[in-house]
PDB file of N, CA and C in Angstrom:
ATOM      1  N   MET A   1      22.756   3.504 -39.482  1.00  0.00           N
ATOM      2  CA  MET A   1      24.065   4.075 -39.176  1.00  0.00           C
ATOM      3  C   MET A   1      25.013   3.903 -40.358  1.00  0.00           C
ATOM      4  N   ASN A   2      25.027   2.712 -40.972  1.00  0.00           N
ATOM      5  CA  ASN A   2      25.929   2.482 -42.104  1.00  0.00           C
ATOM      6  C   ASN A   2      25.635   3.433 -43.253  1.00  0.00           C
ATOM      7  N   GLN A   3      24.350   3.671 -43.529  1.00  0.00           N
ATOM      8  CA  GLN A   3      23.984   4.593 -44.607  1.00  0.00           C
ATOM      9  C   GLN A   3      24.463   6.001 -44.281  1.00  0.00           C
ATOM     10  N   ALA A   4      24.312   6.398 -43.032  1.00  0.00           N
ATOM     11  CA  ALA A   4      24.777   7.723 -42.609  1.00  0.00           C
ATOM     12  C   ALA A   4      26.292   7.811 -42.736  1.00  0.00           C
ATOM     13  N   LEU A   5      26.984   6.760 -42.337  1.00  0.00           N
ATOM     14  CA  LEU A   5      28.445   6.730 -42.438  1.00  0.00           C
ATOM     15  C   LEU A   5      28.887   6.826 -43.897  1.00  0.00           C
ATOM     16  N   LEU A   6      28.194   6.119 -44.772  1.00  0.00           N
ATOM     17  CA  LEU A   6      28.544   6.143 -46.193  1.00  0.00           C
ATOM     18  C   LEU A   6      28.297   7.507 -46.832  1.00  0.00           C
ATOM     19  N   SER A   7      27.430   8.298 -46.235  1.00  0.00           N
ATOM     20  CA  SER A   7      27.127   9.613 -46.805  1.00  0.00           C
ATOM     21  C   SER A   7      28.176  10.670 -46.449  1.00  0.00           C
ATOM     22  N   LEU A   8      29.080  10.349 -45.530  1.00  0.00           N
ATOM     23  CA  LEU A   8      30.131  11.300 -45.146  1.00  0.00           C
ATOM     24  C   LEU A   8      31.156  11.463 -46.261  1.00  0.00           C
ATOM     25  N   PRO A   9      31.820  12.608 -46.309  1.00  0.00           N
ATOM     26  CA  PRO A   9      32.957  12.751 -47.227  1.00  0.00           C
ATOM     27  C   PRO A   9      34.008  11.676 -46.905  1.00  0.00           C
ATOM     28  N   GLU A  10      34.741  11.266 -47.907  1.00  0.00           N
ATOM     29  CA  GLU A  10      35.661  10.135 -47.747  1.00  0.00           C
ATOM     30  C   GLU A  10      36.651  10.307 -46.594  1.00  0.00           C
ATOM     31  N   ASN A  11      37.238  11.496 -46.451  1.00  0.00           N
ATOM     32  CA  ASN A  11      38.230  11.669 -45.388  1.00  0.00           C
ATOM     33  C   ASN A  11      37.597  11.558 -44.002  1.00  0.00           C
ATOM     34  N   GLN A  12      36.391  12.068 -43.831  1.00  0.00           N
ATOM     35  CA  GLN A  12      35.692  11.932 -42.554  1.00  0.00           C
ATOM     36  C   GLN A  12      35.307  10.478 -42.304  1.00  0.00           C
ATOM     37  N   ARG A  13      34.818   9.816 -43.339  1.00  0.00           N
ATOM     38  CA  ARG A  13      34.428   8.407 -43.221  1.00  0.00           C
ATOM     39  C   ARG A  13      35.620   7.546 -42.834  1.00  0.00           C
ATOM     40  N   MET A  14      36.754   7.759 -43.498  1.00  0.00           N
ATOM     41  CA  MET A  14      37.949   6.970 -43.183  1.00  0.00           C
ATOM     42  C   MET A  14      38.391   7.197 -41.746  1.00  0.00           C
ATOM     43  N   ALA A  15      38.379   8.436 -41.302  1.00  0.00           N
ATOM     44  CA  ALA A  15      38.772   8.741 -39.926  1.00  0.00           C
ATOM     45  C   ALA A  15      37.847   8.041 -38.934  1.00  0.00           C
ATOM     46  N   MET A  16      36.548   8.070 -39.187  1.00  0.00           N
ATOM     47  CA  MET A  16      35.597   7.415 -38.284  1.00  0.00           C
ATOM     48  C   MET A  16      35.753   5.901 -38.293  1.00  0.00           C
ATOM     49  N   VAL A  17      35.950   5.320 -39.460  1.00  0.00           N
ATOM     50  CA  VAL A  17      36.140   3.867 -39.553  1.00  0.00           C
ATOM     51  C   VAL A  17      37.386   3.452 -38.776  1.00  0.00           C
ATOM     52  N   LEU A  18      38.464   4.190 -38.961  1.00  0.00           N
ATOM     53  CA  LEU A  18      39.698   3.870 -38.244  1.00  0.00           C
ATOM     54  C   LEU A  18      39.520   4.026 -36.737  1.00  0.00           C
ATOM     55  N   LEU A  19      38.796   5.034 -36.314  1.00  0.00           N
ATOM     56  CA  LEU A  19      38.586   5.285 -34.888  1.00  0.00           C
ATOM     57  C   LEU A  19      37.655   4.245 -34.262  1.00  0.00           C
ATOM     58  N   VAL A  20      36.502   4.043 -34.874  1.00  0.00           N
ATOM     59  CA  VAL A  20      35.454   3.224 -34.262  1.00  0.00           C
ATOM     60  C   VAL A  20      35.637   1.730 -34.527  1.00  0.00           C
ATOM     61  N   TYR A  21      35.866   1.370 -35.774  1.00  0.00           N
ATOM     62  CA  TYR A  21      35.907  -0.042 -36.132  1.00  0.00           C
ATOM     63  C   TYR A  21      37.290  -0.665 -35.997  1.00  0.00           C
ATOM     64  N   GLU A  22      38.339   0.143 -36.155  1.00  0.00           N
ATOM     65  CA  GLU A  22      39.695  -0.401 -36.060  1.00  0.00           C
ATOM     66  C   GLU A  22      40.408   0.035 -34.788  1.00  0.00           C
ATOM     67  N   ASP A  23      39.713   0.806 -33.941  1.00  0.00           N
ATOM     68  CA  ASP A  23      40.213   1.209 -32.622  1.00  0.00           C
ATOM     69  C   ASP A  23      41.590   1.865 -32.674  1.00  0.00           C
ATOM     70  N   LYS A  24      41.794   2.724 -33.667  1.00  0.00           N
ATOM     71  CA  LYS A  24      43.069   3.439 -33.810  1.00  0.00           C
ATOM     72  C   LYS A  24      43.039   4.726 -32.994  1.00  0.00           C
ATOM     73  N   SER A  25      44.207   5.149 -32.537  1.00  0.00           N
ATOM     74  CA  SER A  25      44.326   6.425 -31.826  1.00  0.00           C
ATOM     75  C   SER A  25      44.336   7.564 -32.848  1.00  0.00           C
ATOM     76  N   TYR A  26      44.152   8.791 -32.362  1.00  0.00           N
ATOM     77  CA  TYR A  26      44.209   9.946 -33.257  1.00  0.00           C
ATOM     78  C   TYR A  26      45.583  10.026 -33.923  1.00  0.00           C
ATOM     79  N   LYS A  27      46.623   9.725 -33.172  1.00  0.00           N
ATOM     80  CA  LYS A  27      47.980   9.766 -33.725  1.00  0.00           C
ATOM     81  C   LYS A  27      48.143   8.728 -34.838  1.00  0.00           C
ATOM     82  N   GLU A  28      47.628   7.517 -34.618  1.00  0.00           N
ATOM     83  CA  GLU A  28      47.709   6.473 -35.645  1.00  0.00           C
ATOM     84  C   GLU A  28      46.904   6.860 -36.885  1.00  0.00           C
ATOM     85  N   ILE A  29      45.732   7.419 -36.671  1.00  0.00           N
ATOM     86  CA  ILE A  29      44.894   7.857 -37.797  1.00  0.00           C
ATOM     87  C   ILE A  29      45.615   8.936 -38.590  1.00  0.00           C
ATOM     88  N   ALA A  30      46.241   9.868 -37.888  1.00  0.00           N
ATOM     89  CA  ALA A  30      46.991  10.938 -38.556  1.00  0.00           C
ATOM     90  C   ALA A  30      48.092  10.356 -39.434  1.00  0.00           C
ATOM     91  N   GLN A  31      48.794   9.363 -38.931  1.00  0.00           N
ATOM     92  CA  GLN A  31      49.864   8.736 -39.715  1.00  0.00           C
ATOM     93  C   GLN A  31      49.298   8.015 -40.933  1.00  0.00           C
ATOM     94  N   ILE A  32      48.209   7.287 -40.747  1.00  0.00           N
ATOM     95  CA  ILE A  32      47.598   6.532 -41.850  1.00  0.00           C
ATOM     96  C   ILE A  32      47.084   7.471 -42.942  1.00  0.00           C
ATOM     97  N   LEU A  33      46.445   8.566 -42.527  1.00  0.00           N
ATOM     98  CA  LEU A  33      45.858   9.504 -43.491  1.00  0.00           C
ATOM     99  C   LEU A  33      46.832  10.581 -43.958  1.00  0.00           C
ATOM    100  N   SER A  34      48.035  10.576 -43.393  1.00  0.00           N
ATOM    101  CA  SER A  34      49.067  11.571 -43.732  1.00  0.00           C
ATOM    102  C   SER A  34      48.588  13.002 -43.479  1.00  0.00           C
ATOM    103  N   VAL A  35      48.005  13.197 -42.303  1.00  0.00           N
ATOM    104  CA  VAL A  35      47.566  14.522 -41.876  1.00  0.00           C
ATOM    105  C   VAL A  35      48.017  14.737 -40.433  1.00  0.00           C
ATOM    106  N   SER A  36      47.829  15.944 -39.925  1.00  0.00           N
ATOM    107  CA  SER A  36      48.199  16.232 -38.539  1.00  0.00           C
ATOM    108  C   SER A  36      47.132  15.694 -37.578  1.00  0.00           C
ATOM    109  N   VAL A  37      47.520  15.559 -36.323  1.00  0.00           N
ATOM    110  CA  VAL A  37      46.570  15.118 -35.301  1.00  0.00           C
ATOM    111  C   VAL A  37      45.426  16.128 -35.173  1.00  0.00           C
ATOM    112  N   SER A  38      45.732  17.408 -35.282  1.00  0.00           N
ATOM    113  CA  SER A  38      44.663  18.415 -35.204  1.00  0.00           C
ATOM    114  C   SER A  38      43.687  18.281 -36.374  1.00  0.00           C
ATOM    115  N   SER A  39      44.174  17.872 -37.530  1.00  0.00           N
ATOM    116  CA  SER A  39      43.281  17.621 -38.668  1.00  0.00           C
ATOM    117  C   SER A  39      42.368  16.436 -38.380  1.00  0.00           C
ATOM    118  N   VAL A  40      42.916  15.409 -37.752  1.00  0.00           N
ATOM    119  CA  VAL A  40      42.107  14.243 -37.379  1.00  0.00           C
ATOM    120  C   VAL A  40      41.030  14.664 -36.378  1.00  0.00           C
ATOM    121  N   GLU A  41      41.400  15.472 -35.400  1.00  0.00           N
ATOM    122  CA  GLU A  41      40.421  15.959 -34.423  1.00  0.00           C
ATOM    123  C   GLU A  41      39.286  16.688 -35.126  1.00  0.00           C
ATOM    124  N   SER A  42      39.624  17.509 -36.091  1.00  0.00           N
ATOM    125  CA  SER A  42      38.625  18.255 -36.849  1.00  0.00           C
ATOM    126  C   SER A  42      37.753  17.319 -37.689  1.00  0.00           C
ATOM    127  N   LEU A  43      38.371  16.361 -38.360  1.00  0.00           N
ATOM    128  CA  LEU A  43      37.626  15.395 -39.176  1.00  0.00           C
ATOM    129  C   LEU A  43      36.630  14.614 -38.324  1.00  0.00           C
ATOM    130  N   ILE A  44      37.090  14.144 -37.170  1.00  0.00           N
ATOM    131  CA  ILE A  44      36.230  13.357 -36.286  1.00  0.00           C
ATOM    132  C   ILE A  44      35.084  14.223 -35.751  1.00  0.00           C
ATOM    133  N   PHE A  45      35.399  15.442 -35.358  1.00  0.00           N
ATOM    134  CA  PHE A  45      34.361  16.347 -34.854  1.00  0.00           C
ATOM    135  C   PHE A  45      33.291  16.577 -35.919  1.00  0.00           C
ATOM    136  N   ARG A  46      33.728  16.913 -37.139  1.00  0.00           N
ATOM    137  CA  ARG A  46      32.769  17.187 -38.224  1.00  0.00           C
ATOM    138  C   ARG A  46      31.968  15.942 -38.581  1.00  0.00           C
ATOM    139  N   ALA A  47      32.625  14.787 -38.577  1.00  0.00           N
ATOM    140  CA  ALA A  47      31.932  13.536 -38.887  1.00  0.00           C
ATOM    141  C   ALA A  47      30.878  13.229 -37.828  1.00  0.00           C
ATOM    142  N   ARG A  48      31.224  13.397 -36.566  1.00  0.00           N
ATOM    143  CA  ARG A  48      30.263  13.135 -35.483  1.00  0.00           C
ATOM    144  C   ARG A  48      29.066  14.080 -35.573  1.00  0.00           C
ATOM    145  N   GLU A  49      29.330  15.344 -35.852  1.00  0.00           N
ATOM    146  CA  GLU A  49      28.241  16.316 -35.996  1.00  0.00           C
ATOM    147  C   GLU A  49      27.330  15.938 -37.166  1.00  0.00           C
ATOM    148  N   ALA A  50      27.921  15.570 -38.287  1.00  0.00           N
ATOM    149  CA  ALA A  50      27.133  15.193 -39.466  1.00  0.00           C
ATOM    150  C   ALA A  50      26.311  13.937 -39.191  1.00  0.00           C
ATOM    151  N   LEU A  51      26.918  12.952 -38.536  1.00  0.00           N
ATOM    152  CA  LEU A  51      26.197  11.714 -38.214  1.00  0.00           C
ATOM    153  C   LEU A  51      25.046  11.996 -37.251  1.00  0.00           C
ATOM    154  N   LYS A  52      25.316  12.809 -36.250  1.00  0.00           N
ATOM    155  CA  LYS A  52      24.270  13.157 -35.281  1.00  0.00           C
ATOM    156  C   LYS A  52      23.099  13.827 -35.996  1.00  0.00           C
ATOM    157  N   ASN A  53      23.390  14.781 -36.872  1.00  0.00           N
ATOM    158  CA  ASN A  53      22.327  15.476 -37.606  1.00  0.00           C
ATOM    159  C   ASN A  53      21.553  14.534 -38.510  1.00  0.00           C
ATOM    160  N   LYS A  54      22.250  13.655 -39.209  1.00  0.00           N
ATOM    161  CA  LYS A  54      21.579  12.718 -40.115  1.00  0.00           C
ATOM    162  C   LYS A  54      20.690  11.748 -39.346  1.00  0.00           C
ATOM    163  N   LEU A  55      21.183  11.247 -38.216  1.00  0.00           N
ATOM    164  CA  LEU A  55      20.419  10.259 -37.457  1.00  0.00           C
ATOM    165  C   LEU A  55      19.242  10.886 -36.710  1.00  0.00           C
ATOM    166  N   LEU A  56      19.395  12.116 -36.244  1.00  0.00           N
ATOM    167  CA  LEU A  56      18.306  12.779 -35.528  1.00  0.00           C
ATOM    168  C   LEU A  56      17.233  13.313 -36.466  1.00  0.00           C
ATOM    169  N   ASN A  57      17.598  13.617 -37.697  1.00  0.00           N
ATOM    170  CA  ASN A  57      16.649  14.183 -38.661  1.00  0.00           C
ATOM    171  C   ASN A  57      16.064  13.147 -39.601  1.00  0.00           C
ATOM    172  N   LYS A  58      16.187  11.897 -39.263  1.00  0.00           N
ATOM    173  CA  LYS A  58      15.683  10.831 -40.129  1.00  0.00           C
ATOM    174  C   LYS A  58      14.204  10.872 -40.264  1.00  0.00           C
TER     175      LYS A  58
END
């Protein structure tokens, strides 16, 4: 999982780390990353899809 997480683009990785490991809300992540909440939703969605594909295709 860590290797898959490290392979994500930095903005997706940061959003996932803040969500999963630091238990931040989408609103908090948006403030930290200086983006909109809808951007965070998109980042998290794309990161989850990429992680799912990487882990299933191992």
